Amino acid sequence: MITLTLLHPLQSLPVQEWPFENESVIRIGRSTDNEVILYSAVVSRHHVELRREGSEWEIFSLGANGTYIDGKRITKMSVLDGMIIRLASSGPKIQIHLQGETDKTKLEEVLGKRPSSAKRTLEPPRETFINYQIADPNGSKFKSEDGSSNPSDS
């Protein structure tokens, strides 16, 4: 069994997972004919292919923007349990676990269980609200996203 886990771009926390039990080839890219579909401008239609030979897995980079492991561009490499690949130098990060090494119970609670035979598609990103502050050009006041002013100015 092999499990692919999409990681949050800043915190490296699991966002979505795709378990595979009987597949010998797993394709990742933007095209809908891939097993894992990722919508990102830096991801090629057919970006990465994972191939099983016996009990071993190999990764093949097919995308124009490359595939990276530890910041180094690769073209072909043996898969190691727990390795993290990055699609393009600034694209999505995917962690690879062999033989079901992930903590499925926690991930299923967060993400919901998906049948392994279903097409897997990364959902469009949900809105994320980030607190921000805008400084007054005079430097005396600032406003936050809720419109409140600096409490020291009151």
Foldseek 3Di string as FASTA:
>chain_A
DKKKFWADLPPRHGDDMADDDPDQKAWEFCAQVGLEHEDDPLTHRTAKMWGDDPQWIKIAGDGPLAKDWPQDGDGMDTDDAQTWIARHNRHIIMTMHPPPPDPVVVNCVVPNDDDNPDRHYDDPDDDDDDKDWAADPVRPWIAIPVGDIDPVVD
